[in-house]
């Protein structure tokens, strides 16, 4: 069975870390409604959700993708560089263990899950302000024996790799040009006209979940034969969040 890990937004959400954009006022109640809508979209499209407990002391904990990355039966628990975010991994790891997964923890360098994009058996890992070479090396050591290829990707214009690029179901990398350092790294690349359009969650081989703030990109995907599920996540986008940040897909 496949499902998605999620974590409710903290009461302190407005205090979340902002790096590449200017901080804007955030509507917590709207954020809670948007999160519920996001969860409903997952559940109505074949992804039942499992929730990690709410923690109001962790403003960014709703962005659960940064705490753990799934590689089949292996859950890699991350090591966030931001001290305020490091405790987010504790309850997430506890939940993953309760679900019966093998875990490995990044202890060499720092790694955020938002810097890891999986395409087939290739893991693209962003070298950013939150993920460094030491962590990429440790991740490579964990994954290569399992048949994965790890490719380091320099990222200087966005918070995370997946703030700049994600991938369509067929493996095509999609990106918003102004924040992509070097698209030639990827064997197949499609530029999209809106920054939120570079972020999709693959729900199945013909369906993607994305922000409603990118209608032109949605039209491009639909022209390629994809079904688009659009959700409003405006309050999370104010914190440099996107649709991928708010869940971890666990494939059974």
Protein backbone atom coordinates (compact mmCIF):
# COMPACT_ATOMS: atom_id res chain seq x y z
CA UNK A 1 0.00 0.00 0.00
CA UNK A 2 1.20 3.49 -0.84
CA UNK A 3 0.56 6.47 1.39
CA UNK A 4 1.85 9.93 2.17
CA UNK A 5 3.43 11.22 5.36
CA UNK A 6 2.22 14.68 6.33
CA UNK A 7 2.52 16.94 9.37
CA UNK A 8 0.01 19.63 10.41
CA UNK A 9 1.12 23.28 10.32
CA UNK A 10 2.38 24.63 13.63
CA UNK A 11 0.77 27.61 15.34
CA UNK A 12 4.17 29.30 14.90
CA UNK A 13 4.20 28.75 11.10
CA UNK A 14 4.68 32.46 10.40
CA UNK A 15 8.09 32.26 12.10
CA UNK A 16 9.42 29.80 9.52
CA UNK A 17 12.79 30.32 7.87
CA UNK A 18 12.88 32.58 4.79
CA UNK A 19 16.10 32.81 2.76
CA UNK A 20 15.65 33.86 -0.86
CA UNK A 21 12.46 35.94 -0.67
CA UNK A 22 11.18 38.80 1.44
CA UNK A 23 9.05 37.83 4.43
CA UNK A 24 5.35 38.59 3.99
CA UNK A 25 2.43 38.47 6.43
CA UNK A 26 0.96 34.98 6.72
CA UNK A 27 -2.64 33.97 7.43
CA UNK A 28 -2.43 30.95 9.73
CA UNK A 29 -6.09 29.98 9.48
CA UNK A 30 -5.92 30.13 5.69
CA UNK A 31 -2.75 28.02 5.82
CA UNK A 32 -4.57 25.41 7.89
CA UNK A 33 -7.43 25.30 5.39
CA UNK A 34 -4.99 25.04 2.50
CA UNK A 35 -3.13 22.21 4.22
CA UNK A 36 -6.43 20.36 4.71
CA UNK A 37 -7.18 20.87 1.02
CA UNK A 38 -3.76 19.53 0.08
CA UNK A 39 -4.31 16.43 2.24
CA UNK A 40 -7.74 15.93 0.71
CA UNK A 41 -6.25 16.13 -2.79
CA UNK A 42 -3.72 13.42 -1.92
CA UNK A 43 -6.33 11.17 -0.36
CA UNK A 44 -8.81 11.54 -3.22
CA UNK A 45 -6.11 10.59 -5.71
CA UNK A 46 -4.93 7.32 -4.20
CA UNK A 47 -2.61 8.53 -1.44
CA UNK A 48 -4.02 7.93 2.06
CA UNK A 49 -2.14 10.07 4.56
CA UNK A 50 -0.32 9.22 7.79
CA UNK A 51 0.27 12.20 10.04
CA UNK A 52 3.30 12.91 12.19
CA UNK A 53 2.28 14.61 15.42
CA UNK A 54 1.84 18.37 15.51
CA UNK A 55 4.58 20.35 17.27
CA UNK A 56 3.92 24.05 17.71
CA UNK A 57 7.54 24.67 18.73
CA UNK A 58 8.73 23.80 15.20
CA UNK A 59 7.57 26.50 12.74
CA UNK A 60 8.79 24.73 9.59
CA UNK A 61 7.75 21.20 10.56
CA UNK A 62 4.84 21.18 8.10
CA UNK A 63 7.53 20.90 5.40
CA UNK A 64 8.02 17.25 6.27
CA UNK A 65 9.88 16.46 3.05
CA UNK A 66 13.00 17.98 4.58
CA UNK A 67 13.09 15.48 7.47
CA UNK A 68 13.21 12.14 5.64
CA UNK A 69 13.73 10.77 2.13
CA UNK A 70 12.41 7.37 1.07
CA UNK A 71 14.41 5.00 -1.12
CA UNK A 72 12.23 1.93 -1.35
CA UNK A 73 12.38 0.20 2.04
CA UNK A 74 15.11 2.54 3.30
CA UNK A 75 14.20 5.79 5.02
CA UNK A 76 17.10 8.25 5.12
CA UNK A 77 16.67 10.60 8.06
CA UNK A 78 18.19 13.96 7.22
CA UNK A 79 20.40 16.38 9.14
CA UNK A 80 19.14 19.93 8.55
CA UNK A 81 21.76 22.67 8.65
CA UNK A 82 19.38 25.17 10.25
CA UNK A 83 19.54 24.53 14.03
CA UNK A 84 15.90 25.46 14.49
CA UNK A 85 14.89 22.80 11.98
CA UNK A 86 17.08 19.93 13.15
CA UNK A 87 14.60 18.71 15.81
CA UNK A 88 11.98 18.14 13.09
CA UNK A 89 13.54 14.78 12.32
CA UNK A 90 12.83 13.26 15.76
CA UNK A 91 9.08 12.62 15.54
CA UNK A 92 9.33 11.84 11.83
CA UNK A 93 11.92 9.13 12.44
CA UNK A 94 9.77 7.72 15.27
CA UNK A 95 6.77 7.47 12.94
CA UNK A 96 8.83 5.87 10.16
CA UNK A 97 10.14 3.26 12.59
CA UNK A 98 6.60 2.55 13.80
CA UNK A 99 5.65 1.92 10.17
CA UNK A 100 8.37 -0.73 9.96
CA UNK A 101 10.97 0.89 7.75
CA UNK A 102 14.72 0.51 7.96
CA UNK A 103 16.32 3.85 8.74
CA UNK A 104 19.73 5.40 8.17
CA UNK A 105 20.67 8.84 9.47
CA UNK A 106 22.85 11.45 7.81
CA UNK A 107 25.63 12.21 10.29
CA UNK A 108 28.35 13.46 7.92
CA UNK A 109 27.57 17.02 6.85
CA UNK A 110 24.05 18.38 6.47
CA UNK A 111 21.15 17.42 4.23
CA UNK A 112 17.58 18.63 3.67
CA UNK A 113 15.15 16.32 1.92
CA UNK A 114 14.09 19.18 -0.34
CA UNK A 115 17.48 18.88 -1.99
CA UNK A 116 16.84 15.32 -3.19
CA UNK A 117 15.01 14.65 -6.47
CA UNK A 118 14.51 11.01 -7.43
CA UNK A 119 14.07 10.08 -11.09
CA UNK A 120 14.01 6.34 -11.64
CA UNK A 121 17.08 5.05 -9.80
CA UNK A 122 18.92 8.36 -10.05
CA UNK A 123 19.00 10.68 -7.04
CA UNK A 124 19.86 14.26 -7.94
CA UNK A 125 21.10 16.01 -4.81
CA UNK A 126 21.42 19.78 -4.60
CA UNK A 127 24.54 21.37 -3.19
CA UNK A 128 22.95 24.31 -1.40
CA UNK A 129 23.12 26.31 1.78
CA UNK A 130 21.41 23.37 3.47
CA UNK A 131 23.09 20.33 1.86
CA UNK A 132 26.85 19.87 1.47
CA UNK A 133 29.39 17.55 -0.14
CA UNK A 134 29.97 15.48 2.99
CA UNK A 135 26.29 14.55 3.22
CA UNK A 136 26.12 13.77 -0.50
CA UNK A 137 29.09 11.45 -0.04
CA UNK A 138 27.44 9.63 2.83
CA UNK A 139 24.18 9.35 0.87
CA UNK A 140 26.08 7.93 -2.10
CA UNK A 141 27.63 5.31 0.19
CA UNK A 142 24.18 4.31 1.44
CA UNK A 143 22.50 4.19 -1.96
CA UNK A 144 24.99 2.89 -4.52
CA UNK A 145 24.97 -0.65 -3.03
CA UNK A 146 21.20 -0.55 -3.52
CA UNK A 147 21.49 0.26 -7.22
CA UNK A 148 21.08 4.02 -7.09
CA UNK A 149 23.16 6.64 -8.88
CA UNK A 150 23.74 9.87 -6.94
CA UNK A 151 24.37 13.06 -8.94
CA UNK A 152 25.39 16.27 -7.16
CA UNK A 153 23.76 19.42 -8.59
CA UNK A 154 25.04 22.93 -7.77
CA UNK A 155 22.20 25.22 -6.61
CA UNK A 156 22.88 28.91 -5.97
CA UNK A 157 19.60 30.63 -6.88
CA UNK A 158 17.05 28.75 -4.75
CA UNK A 159 16.64 27.41 -1.24
CA UNK A 160 16.55 23.76 -2.30
CA UNK A 161 17.06 21.78 -5.49
CA UNK A 162 13.32 21.06 -5.56
CA UNK A 163 12.65 24.78 -5.22
CA UNK A 164 14.07 25.01 -8.75
CA UNK A 165 13.21 21.69 -10.42
CA UNK A 166 11.09 18.56 -10.12
CA UNK A 167 10.19 15.84 -12.62
CA UNK A 168 7.15 14.75 -14.61
CA UNK A 169 6.02 11.11 -14.54
CA UNK A 170 8.05 10.29 -17.67
CA UNK A 171 11.24 11.57 -16.01
CA UNK A 172 11.39 14.93 -17.81
CA UNK A 173 12.94 17.50 -15.49
CA UNK A 174 10.92 20.70 -15.29
CA UNK A 175 12.40 23.98 -14.10
CA UNK A 176 11.90 27.71 -13.91
CA UNK A 177 14.83 29.18 -15.84
CA UNK A 178 15.85 32.08 -13.57
CA UNK A 179 16.51 29.75 -10.62
CA UNK A 180 18.10 26.79 -12.46
CA UNK A 181 21.91 26.95 -12.49
CA UNK A 182 22.67 24.45 -15.27
CA UNK A 183 19.86 22.58 -17.06
CA UNK A 184 22.38 20.69 -19.23
CA UNK A 185 23.00 18.38 -16.26
CA UNK A 186 19.70 16.66 -16.99
CA UNK A 187 19.11 14.30 -19.93
CA UNK A 188 15.62 15.68 -20.55
CA UNK A 189 14.63 19.21 -19.51
CA UNK A 190 11.53 21.36 -20.00
CA UNK A 191 11.44 25.01 -18.95
CA UNK A 192 8.16 26.30 -17.54
CA UNK A 193 6.95 29.93 -17.51
CA UNK A 194 6.05 30.25 -13.82
CA UNK A 195 8.13 29.46 -10.76
CA UNK A 196 5.36 27.45 -9.00
CA UNK A 197 5.00 25.49 -12.25
CA UNK A 198 8.38 23.88 -11.65
CA UNK A 199 7.01 21.97 -8.67
CA UNK A 200 4.89 18.84 -9.12
CA UNK A 201 4.08 15.80 -7.04
CA UNK A 202 3.68 12.70 -9.19
CA UNK A 203 0.47 10.96 -8.12
CA UNK A 204 0.53 8.29 -10.82
CA UNK A 205 1.88 7.76 -14.34
CA UNK A 206 -0.51 10.33 -15.80
CA UNK A 207 -1.40 12.65 -12.90
CA UNK A 208 0.47 15.45 -11.16
CA UNK A 209 -0.38 17.63 -8.18
CA UNK A 210 0.72 21.26 -8.46
CA UNK A 211 0.07 24.79 -7.26
CA UNK A 212 -2.93 26.65 -8.64
CA UNK A 213 -0.61 29.66 -9.02
CA UNK A 214 0.82 28.28 -12.28
CA UNK A 215 -2.01 27.97 -14.82
CA UNK A 216 0.24 28.40 -17.88
CA UNK A 217 2.47 25.55 -16.73
CA UNK A 218 -0.59 23.43 -16.00
CA UNK A 219 -1.76 23.96 -19.57
CA UNK A 220 1.63 22.78 -20.86
CA UNK A 221 1.38 19.60 -18.80
CA UNK A 222 -2.18 18.96 -19.92
CA UNK A 223 -1.07 19.36 -23.54
CA UNK A 224 1.42 16.56 -22.84
CA UNK A 225 -1.48 14.31 -21.82
CA UNK A 226 -1.24 14.72 -18.05
CA UNK A 227 -4.11 15.23 -15.65
CA UNK A 228 -3.42 18.14 -13.32
CA UNK A 229 -4.71 18.39 -9.76
CA UNK A 230 -4.28 22.01 -8.67
CA UNK A 231 -4.24 23.17 -5.04
CA UNK A 232 -3.91 26.61 -3.47
CA UNK A 233 -0.85 26.73 -1.18
CA UNK A 234 -0.24 30.49 -1.23
CA UNK A 235 0.55 30.74 2.49
CA UNK A 236 3.24 28.04 2.27
CA UNK A 237 4.72 29.66 -0.85
CA UNK A 238 5.31 32.75 1.31
CA UNK A 239 7.81 30.58 3.23
CA UNK A 240 9.50 29.22 0.07
CA UNK A 241 7.40 26.08 0.33
CA UNK A 242 5.90 24.17 -2.59
CA UNK A 243 3.69 21.13 -3.16
CA UNK A 244 6.56 18.66 -2.75
CA UNK A 245 7.57 20.06 0.67
CA UNK A 246 4.28 19.18 2.34
CA UNK A 247 4.40 15.38 2.06
CA UNK A 248 6.65 12.36 1.70
CA UNK A 249 5.28 9.73 -0.64
CA UNK A 250 5.82 6.19 0.59
CA UNK A 251 5.29 3.59 -2.09
CA UNK A 252 4.23 0.17 -0.94
